[in-house]
Amino acid sequence: MIIDTHAHLNFNAYKEDSNDVIRRSLDNGMQIINVGSQYSTSKRAVEMAQKHEGLYAAVGLHPIHLEAGLVKIKEDPEEIQFKTKEESFDYNKYKELAVLPKVVAIGEVGFDYYWKPKTTGRLIEFKKKQKETFVLQANLARELELPLILHCRMAHQDLINALKEIGGEISGVVHCFTGDWDQAQQYLKLGLHFGFNGLIFKMDSSEVIKKLPIDRILIETDCPYLTPPQELGRNEPLFVKYVLERIAQIKEVEYDGLIETTTQNAKKLFKI
């Protein structure tokens, strides 16, 4: 069994054939964690999980969908069908989703500084809003004893600092990890796992992957994004096999053994 620990089959890219993609994946012995990015896609992830054995959900408000009024963010065509508007995090509303069966994590949540204000004052306010919202979602995860699925783009030190301020060992994964070895060591000390996907074919993560303990590695696609170069077009859970192959090469381990280890890592973290 292979577990894709980060997919977005609840996005617009699969509006015509999500059931086919899910069935194709499950029939090939996979399990999938379908991750929300705002309330609408989180709700849809839960609804989809209820319909399919082997499909699970995570619920959360992604920082790019946070209602800040400070920066114009280009809408993602893969999500727009289910997008309502930028939103403020409603703790009780997300909690109602998070306690439902087959919800295994709070995510994806975190920090994203790719789209940001250009003036210093607005940038400070922008970062403060992201941090406040992240802390609320981390508190929800702790209350419900769920792991966090962490998103971080151009903000690793701020995320690390926020996690340290929260205190204690953190249960969760830094999805689509792009940091360096120094940052990885800081996340390791906090108790976190690391998710790798097709991005490892575009940027060199070999040093980090080679040094990381194998029991902290998770496999993901982030589909419909980050399609491995062996395929064309839209990504899907089955393509996670290429990520496994590449990581097995880097770490000089057997492919089947890596499948077993990463599957057990995911089962333990997400209590599947």
Protein backbone atom coordinates (compact mmCIF):
# COMPACT_ATOMS: atom_id res chain seq x y z
CA MET A 1 0.00 0.00 0.00
CA ILE A 2 1.09 3.55 -0.81
CA ILE A 3 -0.42 6.55 0.97
CA ASP A 4 -0.51 9.87 -0.87
CA THR A 5 -0.48 12.12 2.17
CA HIS A 6 -1.34 15.34 0.34
CA ALA A 7 -3.77 15.50 -2.59
CA HIS A 8 -6.38 18.02 -3.73
CA LEU A 9 -8.95 15.87 -5.52
CA ASN A 10 -11.50 18.36 -4.16
CA PHE A 11 -10.21 21.03 -6.57
CA ASN A 12 -11.65 22.15 -9.87
CA ALA A 13 -9.10 20.17 -11.89
CA TYR A 14 -11.06 17.00 -11.05
CA LYS A 15 -14.59 18.35 -11.30
CA GLU A 16 -15.40 16.09 -14.26
CA ASP A 17 -13.72 12.88 -13.18
CA SER A 18 -12.82 12.89 -9.48
CA ASN A 19 -14.58 9.56 -8.90
CA ASP A 20 -12.61 7.96 -11.74
CA VAL A 21 -9.30 9.24 -10.39
CA ILE A 22 -10.15 8.09 -6.88
CA ARG A 23 -11.28 4.65 -8.03
CA ARG A 24 -8.19 4.21 -10.22
CA SER A 25 -5.98 5.04 -7.24
CA LEU A 26 -7.83 2.87 -4.74
CA ASP A 27 -7.96 -0.07 -7.14
CA ASN A 28 -4.16 0.09 -7.28
CA GLY A 29 -3.88 -0.30 -3.52
CA MET A 30 -3.51 3.34 -2.58
CA GLN A 31 -4.94 5.43 0.22
CA ILE A 32 -5.22 9.21 -0.04
CA ILE A 33 -5.46 12.20 2.28
CA ASN A 34 -7.52 14.88 0.53
CA VAL A 35 -6.53 18.30 1.87
CA GLY A 36 -8.68 21.41 2.21
CA SER A 37 -7.48 24.97 1.59
CA GLN A 38 -10.51 26.94 2.79
CA TYR A 39 -13.94 26.12 4.16
CA SER A 40 -15.52 25.16 0.83
CA THR A 41 -12.74 22.78 -0.22
CA SER A 42 -12.40 21.43 3.31
CA LYS A 43 -16.12 20.60 3.39
CA ARG A 44 -15.87 18.97 0.00
CA ALA A 45 -12.87 16.89 1.15
CA VAL A 46 -14.90 15.57 4.08
CA GLU A 47 -17.89 14.77 1.88
CA MET A 48 -15.67 12.87 -0.57
CA ALA A 49 -14.00 10.93 2.24
CA GLN A 50 -17.39 9.74 3.49
CA LYS A 51 -18.08 8.17 0.11
CA HIS A 52 -14.84 6.25 -0.45
CA GLU A 53 -13.06 3.68 1.68
CA GLY A 54 -9.37 4.56 1.74
CA LEU A 55 -9.94 8.28 1.24
CA TYR A 56 -9.39 10.64 4.19
CA ALA A 57 -9.71 14.40 4.71
CA ALA A 58 -7.85 17.32 6.25
CA VAL A 59 -9.56 20.65 6.94
CA GLY A 60 -7.98 24.07 7.21
CA LEU A 61 -7.59 27.61 5.92
CA HIS A 62 -4.56 28.08 3.66
CA PRO A 63 -2.81 31.43 4.20
CA ILE A 64 -3.39 32.59 0.63
CA HIS A 65 -7.15 32.43 1.23
CA LEU A 66 -6.97 34.45 4.43
CA GLU A 67 -9.03 37.62 4.32
CA ALA A 68 -6.44 40.29 4.93
CA GLY A 69 -7.37 43.02 2.44
CA LEU A 70 -3.67 43.76 2.11
CA VAL A 71 -2.64 42.07 -1.11
CA LYS A 72 -4.29 41.03 -4.34
CA ILE A 73 -3.84 37.29 -4.92
CA LYS A 74 -4.37 35.78 -8.33
CA GLU A 75 -7.16 33.23 -8.14
CA ASP A 76 -6.14 29.67 -8.75
CA PRO A 77 -8.16 28.21 -11.65
CA GLU A 78 -7.84 24.75 -10.11
CA GLU A 79 -9.80 25.88 -7.04
CA ILE A 80 -12.12 28.54 -8.37
CA GLN A 81 -15.18 26.30 -8.74
CA PHE A 82 -15.28 25.81 -4.98
CA LYS A 83 -13.91 29.23 -4.01
CA THR A 84 -16.37 31.57 -2.35
CA LYS A 85 -14.23 34.47 -1.15
CA GLU A 86 -11.28 35.19 1.07
CA GLU A 87 -12.29 34.31 4.59
CA SER A 88 -11.47 34.81 8.24
CA PHE A 89 -10.85 31.66 10.24
CA ASP A 90 -13.99 30.59 12.11
CA TYR A 91 -12.79 28.27 14.89
CA ASN A 92 -16.16 26.70 15.67
CA LYS A 93 -17.13 26.25 12.03
CA TYR A 94 -13.90 24.39 11.24
CA LYS A 95 -14.18 22.40 14.47
CA GLU A 96 -17.58 21.12 13.36
CA LEU A 97 -15.90 19.75 10.24
CA ALA A 98 -12.80 18.48 12.01
CA VAL A 99 -14.70 16.22 14.42
CA LEU A 100 -16.44 14.35 11.61
CA PRO A 101 -15.38 10.78 10.76
CA LYS A 102 -12.31 10.32 8.54
CA VAL A 103 -10.85 13.79 9.22
CA VAL A 104 -7.24 12.99 10.11
CA ALA A 105 -5.52 16.40 10.22
CA ILE A 106 -5.83 20.18 10.33
CA GLY A 107 -4.43 21.57 7.13
CA GLU A 108 -3.17 22.88 5.08
CA VAL A 109 -2.20 25.80 7.28
CA GLY A 110 0.85 27.97 7.76
CA PHE A 111 2.64 30.89 6.15
CA ASP A 112 2.91 32.09 2.55
CA TYR A 113 4.88 35.20 1.64
CA TYR A 114 4.87 34.76 -2.14
CA TRP A 115 2.07 37.29 -2.64
CA LYS A 116 2.72 40.10 -0.18
CA PRO A 117 2.28 43.87 0.25
CA LYS A 118 5.10 46.12 -0.92
CA THR A 119 5.05 48.64 1.90
CA THR A 120 6.67 47.90 5.28
CA GLY A 121 3.64 48.74 7.40
CA ARG A 122 1.24 46.62 5.39
CA LEU A 123 3.76 43.77 5.26
CA ILE A 124 4.01 43.73 9.06
CA GLU A 125 0.21 43.63 9.34
CA PHE A 126 0.03 40.93 6.66
CA LYS A 127 2.49 38.67 8.51
CA LYS A 128 0.78 39.31 11.84
CA LYS A 129 -2.59 38.22 10.40
CA GLN A 130 -1.11 35.00 9.04
CA LYS A 131 0.52 34.22 12.37
CA GLU A 132 -2.64 34.87 14.38
CA THR A 133 -4.66 32.61 12.10
CA PHE A 134 -2.01 29.91 12.18
CA VAL A 135 -1.95 29.90 15.99
CA LEU A 136 -5.75 29.50 16.09
CA GLN A 137 -5.56 26.49 13.78
CA ALA A 138 -2.67 24.99 15.73
CA ASN A 139 -4.79 25.35 18.87
CA LEU A 140 -7.64 23.54 17.16
CA ALA A 141 -5.30 20.72 16.20
CA ARG A 142 -4.14 20.41 19.79
CA GLU A 143 -7.67 20.48 21.18
CA LEU A 144 -8.73 17.65 18.87
CA GLU A 145 -5.40 15.81 19.07
CA LEU A 146 -4.94 15.98 15.30
CA PRO A 147 -1.67 16.52 13.43
CA LEU A 148 -0.99 19.66 11.41
CA ILE A 149 -0.35 19.70 7.67
CA LEU A 150 1.93 22.71 7.33
CA HIS A 151 2.27 24.92 4.26
CA CYS A 152 5.32 27.16 4.09
CA ARG A 153 6.47 29.28 1.16
CA MET A 154 9.28 31.79 1.60
CA ALA A 155 8.65 31.84 5.36
CA HIS A 156 10.46 28.94 7.04
CA GLN A 157 12.02 30.90 9.90
CA ASP A 158 8.73 32.60 10.76
CA LEU A 159 6.98 29.22 10.81
CA ILE A 160 9.72 27.71 12.97
CA ASN A 161 9.54 30.64 15.37
CA ALA A 162 5.75 30.38 15.60
CA LEU A 163 5.96 26.66 16.34
CA LYS A 164 8.54 27.29 19.06
CA GLU A 165 6.31 29.92 20.63
CA ILE A 166 3.41 27.46 20.69
CA GLY A 167 5.72 25.16 22.60
CA GLY A 168 5.96 21.44 23.14
CA GLU A 169 6.40 18.71 20.57
CA ILE A 170 4.34 19.33 17.45
CA SER A 171 2.53 16.52 15.65
CA GLY A 172 2.47 17.11 11.91
CA VAL A 173 4.23 17.36 8.58
CA VAL A 174 5.92 20.19 6.69
CA HIS A 175 4.29 19.47 3.36
CA CYS A 176 6.25 20.04 0.12
CA PHE A 177 9.43 20.72 2.09
CA THR A 178 11.74 23.21 0.37
CA GLY A 179 13.98 24.28 3.22
CA ASP A 180 17.67 23.64 3.78
CA TRP A 181 19.31 21.20 6.19
CA ASP A 182 19.62 23.77 8.99
CA GLN A 183 15.88 24.44 8.83
CA ALA A 184 15.15 20.71 8.57
CA GLN A 185 17.08 20.10 11.79
CA GLN A 186 14.98 22.71 13.58
CA TYR A 187 11.77 21.04 12.39
CA LEU A 188 13.14 17.65 13.44
CA LYS A 189 13.71 18.92 16.98
CA LEU A 190 10.07 20.02 17.05
CA GLY A 191 8.98 16.47 16.20
CA LEU A 192 7.79 17.10 12.65
CA HIS A 193 7.70 14.94 9.52
CA PHE A 194 8.60 16.05 5.98
CA GLY A 195 6.50 15.64 2.84
CA PHE A 196 8.14 15.29 -0.57
CA ASN A 197 6.52 15.37 -4.00
CA GLY A 198 7.30 16.04 -7.66
CA LEU A 199 9.10 19.24 -6.76
CA ILE A 200 12.19 17.15 -5.95
CA PHE A 201 12.67 16.78 -9.71
CA LYS A 202 12.80 20.57 -10.13
CA MET A 203 14.90 21.59 -7.15
CA ASP A 204 17.77 19.73 -5.53
CA SER A 205 16.61 18.33 -2.20
CA SER A 206 19.13 15.49 -2.23
CA GLU A 207 21.18 16.65 0.77
CA VAL A 208 18.13 17.01 3.00
CA ILE A 209 16.53 13.76 1.86
CA LYS A 210 19.76 11.83 2.33
CA LYS A 211 20.28 13.17 5.87
CA LEU A 212 16.70 12.91 7.11
CA PRO A 213 15.76 9.91 9.26
CA ILE A 214 13.66 7.64 7.09
CA ASP A 215 10.98 7.44 9.77
CA ARG A 216 10.27 11.17 9.30
CA ILE A 217 9.63 11.04 5.53
CA LEU A 218 6.17 11.09 3.94
CA ILE A 219 5.25 10.79 0.27
CA GLU A 220 2.76 13.07 -1.46
CA THR A 221 1.71 14.42 -4.84
CA ASP A 222 0.10 17.81 -4.07
CA CYS A 223 -1.98 16.95 -7.13
CA PRO A 224 -3.16 18.49 -9.40
CA TYR A 225 0.13 20.40 -9.10
CA LEU A 226 3.82 19.39 -9.38
CA THR A 227 3.48 16.59 -11.92
CA PRO A 228 6.67 14.50 -12.08
CA PRO A 229 8.53 14.87 -15.40
CA GLN A 230 7.76 11.26 -16.30
CA GLU A 231 4.13 12.31 -16.91
CA LEU A 232 2.42 15.18 -18.70
CA GLY A 233 -0.46 17.42 -17.64
CA ARG A 234 -2.46 17.06 -14.47
CA ASN A 235 -0.90 15.22 -11.56
CA GLU A 236 -2.76 12.43 -9.75
CA PRO A 237 -2.11 10.11 -6.79
CA LEU A 238 -0.76 7.20 -8.85
CA PHE A 239 2.19 9.34 -9.95
CA VAL A 240 3.55 9.32 -6.41
CA LYS A 241 5.48 6.20 -7.44
CA TYR A 242 8.04 8.40 -9.22
CA VAL A 243 8.71 10.33 -6.02
CA LEU A 244 9.22 7.04 -4.20
CA GLU A 245 11.65 5.84 -6.87
CA ARG A 246 13.70 9.04 -6.67
CA ILE A 247 13.87 9.06 -2.87
CA ALA A 248 14.87 5.38 -2.85
CA GLN A 249 17.75 6.28 -5.21
CA ILE A 250 18.88 9.21 -3.07
CA LYS A 251 18.76 7.27 0.19
CA GLU A 252 20.11 4.08 -1.43
CA VAL A 253 17.31 1.92 -0.07
CA GLU A 254 15.04 -0.67 -1.65
CA TYR A 255 11.91 0.71 -3.33
CA ASP A 256 9.56 -1.79 -1.67
CA GLY A 257 11.13 -1.14 1.71
CA LEU A 258 10.63 2.59 1.29
CA ILE A 259 6.96 2.03 0.47
CA GLU A 260 6.54 0.01 3.65
CA THR A 261 8.35 2.56 5.82
CA THR A 262 6.62 5.67 4.47
CA THR A 263 3.24 3.95 4.67
CA GLN A 264 3.82 3.09 8.31
CA ASN A 265 5.00 6.67 8.93
CA ALA A 266 1.74 8.01 7.52
CA LYS A 267 -0.42 5.52 9.38
CA LYS A 268 1.22 6.38 12.68
CA LEU A 269 1.08 10.17 12.20
CA PHE A 270 -2.49 10.34 10.91
CA LYS A 271 -3.80 7.41 12.98
CA ILE A 272 -5.14 5.66 9.92
